[in-house]
């Protein structure tokens, strides 16, 4: 399975982001990351990624799961 980050949305606080991934030709998924003490990003533990047929559907799903995206 090939995954490529196509969009990354960062929280205003600068300590969190959500990456949207293109998964092969199947669709899109997302994952939340946080900035570590070393200023690098690390993925937060989460369930297996759900694949959505469009970026718009993945964005709506992320807004339902990631509090700071709802603002």
Protein backbone atom coordinates (compact mmCIF):
# COMPACT_ATOMS: atom_id res chain seq x y z
CA UNK A 1 0.00 0.00 0.00
CA UNK A 2 1.41 3.38 -1.06
CA UNK A 3 0.67 6.38 1.14
CA UNK A 4 1.52 9.97 0.22
CA UNK A 5 0.77 13.06 2.32
CA UNK A 6 -1.19 15.45 0.10
CA UNK A 7 -2.44 18.01 2.67
CA UNK A 8 -1.31 18.86 6.19
CA UNK A 9 -3.40 21.12 8.43
CA UNK A 10 -1.66 22.54 11.51
CA UNK A 11 -3.41 23.70 14.68
CA UNK A 12 -3.06 27.38 15.59
CA UNK A 13 -1.10 26.28 18.66
CA UNK A 14 1.55 24.71 16.40
CA UNK A 15 1.70 21.50 18.41
CA UNK A 16 -0.71 19.32 16.40
CA UNK A 17 -1.43 18.62 12.76
CA UNK A 18 -3.61 16.34 10.70
CA UNK A 19 -2.07 14.77 7.62
CA UNK A 20 -4.30 13.67 4.77
CA UNK A 21 -2.92 10.78 2.80
CA UNK A 22 -3.58 9.52 -0.70
CA UNK A 23 -3.82 5.73 -0.41
CA UNK A 24 -2.88 4.12 -3.73
CA UNK A 25 -5.79 4.81 -6.08
CA UNK A 26 -8.32 3.74 -3.43
CA UNK A 27 -8.93 7.08 -1.74
CA UNK A 28 -7.83 9.18 1.20
CA UNK A 29 -7.13 8.68 4.90
CA UNK A 30 -5.96 10.94 7.74
CA UNK A 31 -3.79 10.75 10.83
CA UNK A 32 -3.17 13.16 13.66
CA UNK A 33 0.39 14.03 14.69
CA UNK A 34 1.94 16.06 17.50
CA UNK A 35 5.16 18.01 17.69
CA UNK A 36 7.64 16.34 20.00
CA UNK A 37 10.12 17.93 22.37
CA UNK A 38 12.78 17.67 19.63
CA UNK A 39 10.55 19.78 17.29
CA UNK A 40 9.89 16.74 15.08
CA UNK A 41 6.42 15.36 14.35
CA UNK A 42 5.22 11.98 15.57
CA UNK A 43 2.02 10.12 14.76
CA UNK A 44 -0.46 9.78 17.59
CA UNK A 45 -1.65 6.25 18.35
CA UNK A 46 -4.90 5.53 16.55
CA UNK A 47 -6.93 2.78 15.04
CA UNK A 48 -6.26 1.44 11.57
CA UNK A 49 -6.83 4.17 9.00
CA UNK A 50 -10.22 4.29 7.35
CA UNK A 51 -10.03 4.91 3.60
CA UNK A 52 -12.52 7.42 2.17
CA UNK A 53 -13.35 7.77 -1.54
CA UNK A 54 -12.62 11.54 -1.55
CA UNK A 55 -10.56 14.13 0.29
CA UNK A 56 -13.78 15.93 1.26
CA UNK A 57 -15.15 12.85 3.01
CA UNK A 58 -11.83 12.28 4.79
CA UNK A 59 -11.86 15.93 5.94
CA UNK A 60 -15.41 15.63 7.29
CA UNK A 61 -14.46 12.43 9.15
CA UNK A 62 -11.37 14.12 10.61
CA UNK A 63 -13.50 17.04 11.84
CA UNK A 64 -15.67 14.50 13.65
CA UNK A 65 -12.68 12.97 15.44
CA UNK A 66 -10.17 15.80 15.95
CA UNK A 67 -11.49 18.50 18.32
CA UNK A 68 -9.33 21.40 17.15
CA UNK A 69 -10.44 20.93 13.51
CA UNK A 70 -14.04 21.75 14.48
CA UNK A 71 -13.23 25.38 15.25
